[in-house]
Amino acid sequence: MCAKVKKSDFISKGVVANNRRANFDYAIEEKFVAGIVLKGTEVKSLRLGHAQINDAYGIEKSGEIYISNMYIAEYAFKGYESHAEKRDRKLLLTKKEIIKIINGLNKKGNTLIAVKLFFDDHGRAKLEVGLARGKKLYDKRESIKERDWKRDKERLI
């Protein structure tokens, strides 16, 4: 039997999942905030914080943008209706943003990655995605040097 879920366990607004490796592995050129088309059990599972976006990436299907490989766990008290944990979920963007993303994805080396999954002030699930280019090993070393220098600078001050 599952443990009881209290109302205080739910996330009403704020960050649900964060992709911490995104800024390390990719040079993010532009960020977009998009709504997501979700089922009822997916929203309840998100409110409990049961999601992972580390491997999520964006794809284009027939002029629309979908997020693929985003994991949302099954809701424990689902009843008869459930959802697939890893399925393509449609992103809700404006036409201008969709065109900008498709043009960016057509360039060699660019990809659309999930950066942050959160609930906004109105309680709607939003996904921050970034149009990014993969970093090389020397770029990652440069990021580490920069981060260490900032840390040392703060210590000296």
N, C-alpha and C. Protein backbone atom coordinates (compact mmCIF):
# COMPACT_ATOMS: atom_id res chain seq x y z
N MET A 1 0.84 -1.18 0.00
CA MET A 1 0.00 0.00 0.00
C MET A 1 0.88 1.24 0.00
N CYS A 2 0.49 2.24 -0.71
CA CYS A 2 1.25 3.48 -0.79
C CYS A 2 0.95 4.35 0.43
N ALA A 3 1.93 5.15 0.77
CA ALA A 3 1.75 6.08 1.88
C ALA A 3 0.80 7.19 1.47
N LYS A 4 0.08 7.73 2.42
CA LYS A 4 -0.84 8.84 2.15
C LYS A 4 -0.07 10.05 1.67
N VAL A 5 -0.66 10.77 0.73
CA VAL A 5 -0.06 12.00 0.22
C VAL A 5 -0.79 13.17 0.85
N LYS A 6 -0.03 14.02 1.53
CA LYS A 6 -0.62 15.21 2.14
C LYS A 6 -0.61 16.35 1.14
N LYS A 7 -1.48 17.29 1.35
CA LYS A 7 -1.55 18.46 0.47
C LYS A 7 -0.25 19.26 0.52
N SER A 8 0.46 19.23 1.66
CA SER A 8 1.70 19.98 1.78
C SER A 8 2.83 19.37 0.95
N ASP A 9 2.67 18.11 0.50
CA ASP A 9 3.69 17.47 -0.32
C ASP A 9 3.67 17.96 -1.76
N PHE A 10 2.55 18.55 -2.20
CA PHE A 10 2.42 18.99 -3.57
C PHE A 10 3.18 20.29 -3.82
N ILE A 11 3.72 20.42 -5.04
CA ILE A 11 4.41 21.63 -5.47
C ILE A 11 3.38 22.47 -6.23
N SER A 12 3.03 23.64 -5.69
CA SER A 12 2.04 24.48 -6.37
C SER A 12 2.72 25.46 -7.33
N LYS A 13 3.90 25.95 -6.96
CA LYS A 13 4.69 26.76 -7.89
C LYS A 13 6.15 26.61 -7.52
N GLY A 14 6.99 26.74 -8.53
CA GLY A 14 8.41 26.58 -8.31
C GLY A 14 8.97 25.46 -9.18
N VAL A 15 10.26 25.18 -8.98
CA VAL A 15 10.99 24.24 -9.82
C VAL A 15 10.65 22.79 -9.44
N VAL A 16 10.37 21.98 -10.45
CA VAL A 16 10.11 20.56 -10.27
C VAL A 16 11.37 19.76 -10.57
N ALA A 17 11.99 20.05 -11.72
CA ALA A 17 13.20 19.35 -12.14
C ALA A 17 14.13 20.33 -12.83
N ASN A 18 15.43 20.10 -12.65
CA ASN A 18 16.44 20.98 -13.21
C ASN A 18 17.48 20.13 -13.92
N ASN A 19 17.92 20.55 -15.09
CA ASN A 19 18.98 19.85 -15.83
C ASN A 19 20.29 20.57 -15.54
N ARG A 20 21.00 20.10 -14.53
CA ARG A 20 22.21 20.80 -14.09
C ARG A 20 23.37 20.61 -15.07
N ARG A 21 23.35 19.55 -15.87
CA ARG A 21 24.42 19.31 -16.82
C ARG A 21 24.25 20.11 -18.11
N ALA A 22 23.13 20.77 -18.28
CA ALA A 22 22.85 21.46 -19.53
C ALA A 22 23.89 22.55 -19.81
N ASN A 23 24.18 23.39 -18.82
CA ASN A 23 25.14 24.47 -19.04
C ASN A 23 26.57 23.98 -19.13
N PHE A 24 26.84 22.79 -18.61
CA PHE A 24 28.19 22.25 -18.67
C PHE A 24 28.45 21.56 -20.01
N ASP A 25 27.48 20.80 -20.50
CA ASP A 25 27.66 20.05 -21.74
C ASP A 25 27.33 20.84 -23.00
N TYR A 26 26.55 21.92 -22.85
CA TYR A 26 26.10 22.68 -24.02
C TYR A 26 26.33 24.17 -23.83
N ALA A 27 26.56 24.85 -24.94
CA ALA A 27 26.59 26.31 -24.96
C ALA A 27 25.20 26.75 -25.42
N ILE A 28 24.40 27.22 -24.48
CA ILE A 28 23.01 27.57 -24.78
C ILE A 28 22.97 28.95 -25.42
N GLU A 29 22.45 29.00 -26.64
CA GLU A 29 22.42 30.25 -27.39
C GLU A 29 21.15 31.05 -27.11
N GLU A 30 20.01 30.35 -26.99
CA GLU A 30 18.74 31.04 -26.79
C GLU A 30 17.81 30.16 -25.97
N LYS A 31 17.06 30.77 -25.05
CA LYS A 31 16.14 30.02 -24.20
C LYS A 31 14.69 30.42 -24.51
N PHE A 32 13.80 29.43 -24.40
CA PHE A 32 12.37 29.63 -24.61
C PHE A 32 11.62 29.00 -23.45
N VAL A 33 10.50 29.60 -23.07
CA VAL A 33 9.63 29.02 -22.05
C VAL A 33 8.37 28.55 -22.77
N ALA A 34 8.05 27.26 -22.60
CA ALA A 34 6.93 26.66 -23.32
C ALA A 34 6.01 25.93 -22.35
N GLY A 35 4.74 25.92 -22.68
CA GLY A 35 3.80 25.09 -21.96
C GLY A 35 3.91 23.67 -22.47
N ILE A 36 3.35 22.71 -21.73
CA ILE A 36 3.42 21.31 -22.13
C ILE A 36 2.00 20.74 -22.12
N VAL A 37 1.70 19.90 -23.11
CA VAL A 37 0.42 19.20 -23.13
C VAL A 37 0.59 17.94 -22.28
N LEU A 38 -0.15 17.88 -21.16
CA LEU A 38 -0.02 16.77 -20.21
C LEU A 38 -1.37 16.14 -19.93
N LYS A 39 -1.33 14.90 -19.46
CA LYS A 39 -2.53 14.21 -18.99
C LYS A 39 -2.68 14.47 -17.50
N GLY A 40 -3.85 14.15 -16.94
CA GLY A 40 -4.13 14.43 -15.53
C GLY A 40 -3.19 13.75 -14.56
N THR A 41 -2.87 12.47 -14.82
CA THR A 41 -1.97 11.76 -13.90
C THR A 41 -0.55 12.28 -13.99
N GLU A 42 -0.18 12.82 -15.15
CA GLU A 42 1.16 13.40 -15.30
C GLU A 42 1.29 14.67 -14.45
N VAL A 43 0.25 15.48 -14.43
CA VAL A 43 0.27 16.71 -13.64
C VAL A 43 0.38 16.38 -12.16
N LYS A 44 -0.38 15.39 -11.70
CA LYS A 44 -0.33 15.01 -10.30
C LYS A 44 1.03 14.47 -9.92
N SER A 45 1.65 13.72 -10.81
CA SER A 45 2.98 13.19 -10.55
C SER A 45 4.02 14.32 -10.52
N LEU A 46 3.85 15.30 -11.41
CA LEU A 46 4.74 16.46 -11.41
C LEU A 46 4.61 17.26 -10.11
N ARG A 47 3.40 17.39 -9.62
CA ARG A 47 3.18 18.14 -8.38
C ARG A 47 3.89 17.47 -7.21
N LEU A 48 4.11 16.17 -7.29
CA LEU A 48 4.87 15.47 -6.26
C LEU A 48 6.37 15.53 -6.51
N GLY A 49 6.77 16.07 -7.69
CA GLY A 49 8.19 16.23 -8.01
C GLY A 49 8.82 14.99 -8.61
N HIS A 50 8.03 14.11 -9.20
CA HIS A 50 8.53 12.86 -9.77
C HIS A 50 8.79 13.02 -11.26
N ALA A 51 9.84 13.75 -11.62
CA ALA A 51 10.18 13.96 -13.03
C ALA A 51 11.69 14.09 -13.19
N GLN A 52 12.17 13.70 -14.37
CA GLN A 52 13.58 13.86 -14.72
C GLN A 52 13.66 14.38 -16.16
N ILE A 53 14.50 15.39 -16.35
CA ILE A 53 14.64 15.97 -17.69
C ILE A 53 16.09 15.95 -18.16
N ASN A 54 16.93 15.14 -17.52
CA ASN A 54 18.36 15.14 -17.85
C ASN A 54 18.62 14.70 -19.29
N ASP A 55 17.87 13.75 -19.81
CA ASP A 55 18.09 13.25 -21.16
C ASP A 55 17.08 13.77 -22.17
N ALA A 56 16.27 14.74 -21.79
CA ALA A 56 15.20 15.23 -22.66
C ALA A 56 15.76 16.13 -23.76
N TYR A 57 15.20 15.99 -24.94
CA TYR A 57 15.60 16.81 -26.08
C TYR A 57 14.37 17.08 -26.95
N GLY A 58 14.46 18.13 -27.75
CA GLY A 58 13.34 18.54 -28.58
C GLY A 58 13.46 18.01 -29.99
N ILE A 59 12.31 17.65 -30.57
CA ILE A 59 12.27 17.20 -31.96
C ILE A 59 11.14 17.94 -32.67
N GLU A 60 11.22 17.97 -34.00
CA GLU A 60 10.21 18.64 -34.81
C GLU A 60 9.43 17.58 -35.57
N LYS A 61 8.10 17.60 -35.43
CA LYS A 61 7.22 16.69 -36.17
C LYS A 61 6.12 17.51 -36.82
N SER A 62 6.07 17.48 -38.11
CA SER A 62 5.04 18.15 -38.93
C SER A 62 4.78 19.59 -38.49
N GLY A 63 5.85 20.36 -38.31
CA GLY A 63 5.72 21.78 -38.00
C GLY A 63 5.43 22.08 -36.53
N GLU A 64 5.50 21.09 -35.66
CA GLU A 64 5.30 21.31 -34.23
C GLU A 64 6.51 20.78 -33.48
N ILE A 65 6.72 21.31 -32.28
CA ILE A 65 7.87 20.92 -31.47
C ILE A 65 7.39 19.99 -30.36
N TYR A 66 8.09 18.86 -30.19
CA TYR A 66 7.80 17.90 -29.15
C TYR A 66 9.04 17.70 -28.30
N ILE A 67 8.83 17.40 -27.02
CA ILE A 67 9.94 17.06 -26.14
C ILE A 67 9.93 15.54 -25.99
N SER A 68 11.07 14.95 -26.23
CA SER A 68 11.18 13.50 -26.21
C SER A 68 12.09 13.07 -25.06
N ASN A 69 11.87 11.87 -24.56
CA ASN A 69 12.71 11.25 -23.54
C ASN A 69 12.62 11.95 -22.18
N MET A 70 11.54 12.66 -21.92
CA MET A 70 11.32 13.27 -20.61
C MET A 70 10.57 12.25 -19.75
N TYR A 71 11.09 11.98 -18.56
CA TYR A 71 10.53 10.95 -17.70
C TYR A 71 9.62 11.57 -16.64
N ILE A 72 8.37 11.14 -16.63
CA ILE A 72 7.43 11.50 -15.57
C ILE A 72 6.90 10.19 -15.00
N ALA A 73 7.16 9.94 -13.72
CA ALA A 73 6.78 8.68 -13.09
C ALA A 73 5.26 8.53 -13.05
N GLU A 74 4.81 7.27 -12.98
CA GLU A 74 3.39 7.01 -12.86
C GLU A 74 2.89 7.50 -11.51
N TYR A 75 1.68 8.00 -11.50
CA TYR A 75 1.07 8.46 -10.26
C TYR A 75 0.60 7.24 -9.48
N ALA A 76 0.90 7.19 -8.19
CA ALA A 76 0.62 6.01 -7.38
C ALA A 76 -0.87 5.73 -7.25
N PHE A 77 -1.70 6.75 -7.14
CA PHE A 77 -3.14 6.58 -6.94
C PHE A 77 -3.89 6.80 -8.25
N LYS A 78 -3.45 6.14 -9.30
CA LYS A 78 -3.92 6.44 -10.65
C LYS A 78 -5.30 5.92 -10.98
N GLY A 79 -5.79 4.89 -10.32
CA GLY A 79 -7.08 4.32 -10.69
C GLY A 79 -6.96 3.51 -11.96
N TYR A 80 -7.89 3.70 -12.90
CA TYR A 80 -7.88 2.91 -14.14
C TYR A 80 -7.11 3.58 -15.26
N GLU A 81 -6.84 4.86 -15.15
CA GLU A 81 -6.18 5.58 -16.24
C GLU A 81 -4.75 5.91 -15.86
N SER A 82 -3.84 5.70 -16.78
CA SER A 82 -2.43 5.97 -16.52
C SER A 82 -1.80 6.60 -17.76
N HIS A 83 -0.50 6.84 -17.69
CA HIS A 83 0.21 7.42 -18.82
C HIS A 83 1.53 6.68 -19.03
N ALA A 84 2.07 6.80 -20.23
CA ALA A 84 3.39 6.24 -20.52
C ALA A 84 4.43 7.16 -19.89
N GLU A 85 5.42 6.57 -19.24
CA GLU A 85 6.40 7.38 -18.51
C GLU A 85 7.29 8.21 -19.43
N LYS A 86 7.72 7.60 -20.54
CA LYS A 86 8.54 8.34 -21.51
C LYS A 86 7.78 8.37 -22.82
N ARG A 87 7.14 9.48 -23.09
CA ARG A 87 6.44 9.67 -24.36
C ARG A 87 6.74 11.05 -24.88
N ASP A 88 6.50 11.26 -26.17
CA ASP A 88 6.70 12.58 -26.75
C ASP A 88 5.55 13.48 -26.31
N ARG A 89 5.91 14.62 -25.73
CA ARG A 89 4.90 15.57 -25.25
C ARG A 89 5.02 16.86 -26.06
N LYS A 90 3.89 17.36 -26.51
CA LYS A 90 3.87 18.55 -27.35
C LYS A 90 4.17 19.80 -26.52
N LEU A 91 4.98 20.68 -27.08
CA LEU A 91 5.29 21.96 -26.45
C LEU A 91 4.41 23.04 -27.05
N LEU A 92 3.92 23.92 -26.20
CA LEU A 92 3.05 25.00 -26.63
C LEU A 92 3.88 26.27 -26.78
N LEU A 93 4.14 26.65 -28.01
CA LEU A 93 4.95 27.81 -28.34
C LEU A 93 4.22 28.67 -29.37
N THR A 94 4.66 29.92 -29.50
CA THR A 94 4.10 30.78 -30.54
C THR A 94 4.68 30.38 -31.89
N LYS A 95 4.02 30.80 -32.95
CA LYS A 95 4.46 30.45 -34.31
C LYS A 95 5.87 30.98 -34.59
N LYS A 96 6.16 32.21 -34.11
CA LYS A 96 7.48 32.79 -34.33
C LYS A 96 8.56 31.97 -33.62
N GLU A 97 8.26 31.53 -32.40
CA GLU A 97 9.23 30.72 -31.65
C GLU A 97 9.45 29.37 -32.32
N ILE A 98 8.37 28.78 -32.84
CA ILE A 98 8.50 27.49 -33.52
C ILE A 98 9.38 27.63 -34.76
N ILE A 99 9.17 28.67 -35.53
CA ILE A 99 9.98 28.90 -36.73
C ILE A 99 11.44 29.13 -36.36
N LYS A 100 11.68 29.91 -35.31
CA LYS A 100 13.04 30.18 -34.86
C LYS A 100 13.73 28.90 -34.41
N ILE A 101 13.00 28.04 -33.70
CA ILE A 101 13.58 26.77 -33.22
C ILE A 101 13.86 25.83 -34.39
N ILE A 102 12.92 25.72 -35.33
CA ILE A 102 13.12 24.83 -36.47
C ILE A 102 14.32 25.28 -37.30
N ASN A 103 14.45 26.59 -37.52
CA ASN A 103 15.61 27.11 -38.25
C ASN A 103 16.90 26.83 -37.49
N GLY A 104 16.87 26.94 -36.17
CA GLY A 104 18.05 26.64 -35.36
C GLY A 104 18.40 25.17 -35.39
N LEU A 105 17.39 24.30 -35.38
CA LEU A 105 17.66 22.86 -35.40
C LEU A 105 18.21 22.40 -36.75
N ASN A 106 17.90 23.14 -37.82
CA ASN A 106 18.40 22.77 -39.13
C ASN A 106 19.88 23.06 -39.29
N LYS A 107 20.43 23.94 -38.43
CA LYS A 107 21.87 24.21 -38.47
C LYS A 107 22.62 23.02 -37.89
N LYS A 108 23.78 22.74 -38.45
CA LYS A 108 24.55 21.59 -38.01
C LYS A 108 25.07 21.78 -36.59
N GLY A 109 24.91 20.77 -35.76
CA GLY A 109 25.44 20.80 -34.40
C GLY A 109 24.50 21.37 -33.36
N ASN A 110 23.35 21.90 -33.76
CA ASN A 110 22.41 22.48 -32.80
C ASN A 110 21.40 21.44 -32.34
N THR A 111 20.97 21.57 -31.11
CA THR A 111 19.94 20.71 -30.55
C THR A 111 19.08 21.51 -29.59
N LEU A 112 17.91 20.99 -29.30
CA LEU A 112 16.99 21.63 -28.36
C LEU A 112 16.97 20.78 -27.11
N ILE A 113 17.40 21.35 -25.98
CA ILE A 113 17.49 20.58 -24.74
C ILE A 113 16.59 21.20 -23.68
N ALA A 114 16.13 20.35 -22.76
CA ALA A 114 15.32 20.81 -21.64
C ALA A 114 16.25 21.33 -20.56
N VAL A 115 15.97 22.53 -20.04
CA VAL A 115 16.81 23.15 -19.02
C VAL A 115 16.14 23.08 -17.65
N LYS A 116 14.85 23.42 -17.59
CA LYS A 116 14.17 23.49 -16.30
C LYS A 116 12.68 23.21 -16.49
N LEU A 117 12.11 22.45 -15.56
CA LEU A 117 10.68 22.16 -15.53
C LEU A 117 10.12 22.76 -14.26
N PHE A 118 9.09 23.60 -14.40
CA PHE A 118 8.58 24.31 -13.23
C PHE A 118 7.10 24.62 -13.38
N PHE A 119 6.48 25.04 -12.26
CA PHE A 119 5.11 25.54 -12.26
C PHE A 119 5.19 27.05 -12.13
N ASP A 120 4.45 27.77 -12.99
CA ASP A 120 4.47 29.23 -12.92
C ASP A 120 3.53 29.72 -11.82
N ASP A 121 3.35 31.03 -11.73
CA ASP A 121 2.52 31.63 -10.67
C ASP A 121 1.05 31.22 -10.76
N HIS A 122 0.60 30.85 -11.96
CA HIS A 122 -0.79 30.45 -12.14
C HIS A 122 -0.99 28.95 -11.95
N GLY A 123 0.10 28.22 -11.66
CA GLY A 123 0.00 26.78 -11.42
C GLY A 123 0.08 25.95 -12.68
N ARG A 124 0.53 26.53 -13.79
CA ARG A 124 0.66 25.80 -15.05
C ARG A 124 2.07 25.23 -15.17
N ALA A 125 2.16 24.02 -15.70
CA ALA A 125 3.47 23.39 -15.92
C ALA A 125 4.14 24.03 -17.12
N LYS A 126 5.36 24.48 -16.94
CA LYS A 126 6.14 25.10 -18.01
C LYS A 126 7.49 24.40 -18.11
N LEU A 127 8.04 24.41 -19.31
CA LEU A 127 9.35 23.82 -19.56
C LEU A 127 10.23 24.88 -20.22
N GLU A 128 11.38 25.12 -19.63
CA GLU A 128 12.35 26.03 -20.24
C GLU A 128 13.28 25.19 -21.09
N VAL A 129 13.29 25.47 -22.38
CA VAL A 129 14.15 24.75 -23.32
C VAL A 129 15.18 25.71 -23.89
N GLY A 130 16.32 25.16 -24.28
CA GLY A 130 17.38 25.98 -24.83
C GLY A 130 17.86 25.45 -26.15
N LEU A 131 18.01 26.34 -27.11
CA LEU A 131 18.62 26.00 -28.38
C LEU A 131 20.12 26.04 -28.15
N ALA A 132 20.78 24.89 -28.26
CA ALA A 132 22.16 24.80 -27.80
C ALA A 132 23.06 24.09 -28.80
N ARG A 133 24.34 24.32 -28.60
CA ARG A 133 25.39 23.67 -29.39
C ARG A 133 26.28 22.92 -28.40
N GLY A 134 26.61 21.68 -28.71
CA GLY A 134 27.43 20.87 -27.82
C GLY A 134 28.83 21.45 -27.64
N LYS A 135 29.33 21.39 -26.42
CA LYS A 135 30.67 21.90 -26.13
C LYS A 135 31.71 20.82 -26.40
N LYS A 136 32.88 21.23 -26.80
CA LYS A 136 34.02 20.33 -26.94
C LYS A 136 34.70 20.22 -25.58
N LEU A 137 35.66 19.34 -25.48
CA LEU A 137 36.35 19.11 -24.21
C LEU A 137 37.08 20.36 -23.73
N TYR A 138 37.71 21.09 -24.67
CA TYR A 138 38.44 22.28 -24.27
C TYR A 138 37.51 23.39 -23.80
N ASP A 139 36.28 23.42 -24.33
CA ASP A 139 35.29 24.39 -23.85
C ASP A 139 34.88 24.09 -22.42
N LYS A 140 34.75 22.80 -22.09
CA LYS A 140 34.38 22.39 -20.74
C LYS A 140 35.49 22.75 -19.76
N ARG A 141 36.74 22.56 -20.18
CA ARG A 141 37.86 22.93 -19.31
C ARG A 141 37.85 24.43 -19.04
N GLU A 142 37.52 25.20 -20.05
CA GLU A 142 37.44 26.66 -19.90
C GLU A 142 36.34 27.03 -18.90
N SER A 143 35.21 26.33 -18.96
CA SER A 143 34.13 26.59 -18.01
C SER A 143 34.57 26.28 -16.58
N ILE A 144 35.30 25.19 -16.41
CA ILE A 144 35.79 24.82 -15.08
C ILE A 144 36.76 25.87 -14.56
N LYS A 145 37.68 26.34 -15.41
CA LYS A 145 38.64 27.37 -15.00
C LYS A 145 37.92 28.65 -14.59
N GLU A 146 36.91 29.03 -15.37
CA GLU A 146 36.14 30.24 -15.06
C GLU A 146 35.43 30.12 -13.72
N ARG A 147 34.80 28.97 -13.48
CA ARG A 147 34.08 28.74 -12.24
C ARG A 147 35.04 28.75 -11.04
N ASP A 148 36.21 28.12 -11.19
CA ASP A 148 37.19 28.11 -10.10
C ASP A 148 37.72 29.50 -9.82
N TRP A 149 37.95 30.28 -10.87
CA TRP A 149 38.45 31.64 -10.69
C TRP A 149 37.43 32.51 -9.96
N LYS A 150 36.16 32.37 -10.30
CA LYS A 150 35.12 33.13 -9.61
C LYS A 150 35.06 32.75 -8.13
N ARG A 151 35.20 31.47 -7.84
CA ARG A 151 35.17 31.00 -6.45
C ARG A 151 36.38 31.56 -5.67
N ASP A 152 37.56 31.53 -6.27
CA ASP A 152 38.76 32.07 -5.62
C ASP A 152 38.66 33.57 -5.42
N LYS A 153 38.09 34.26 -6.40
CA LYS A 153 37.91 35.70 -6.31
C LYS A 153 36.98 36.06 -5.15
N GLU A 154 35.92 35.29 -4.99
CA GLU A 154 35.00 35.53 -3.87
C GLU A 154 35.67 35.30 -2.53
N ARG A 155 36.54 34.31 -2.46
CA ARG A 155 37.26 34.04 -1.22
C ARG A 155 38.20 35.18 -0.84
N LEU A 156 38.87 35.76 -1.85
CA LEU A 156 39.80 36.84 -1.59
C LEU A 156 39.08 38.10 -1.13
N ILE A 157 37.90 38.33 -1.62
CA ILE A 157 37.11 39.49 -1.23
C ILE A 157 36.48 39.22 0.08
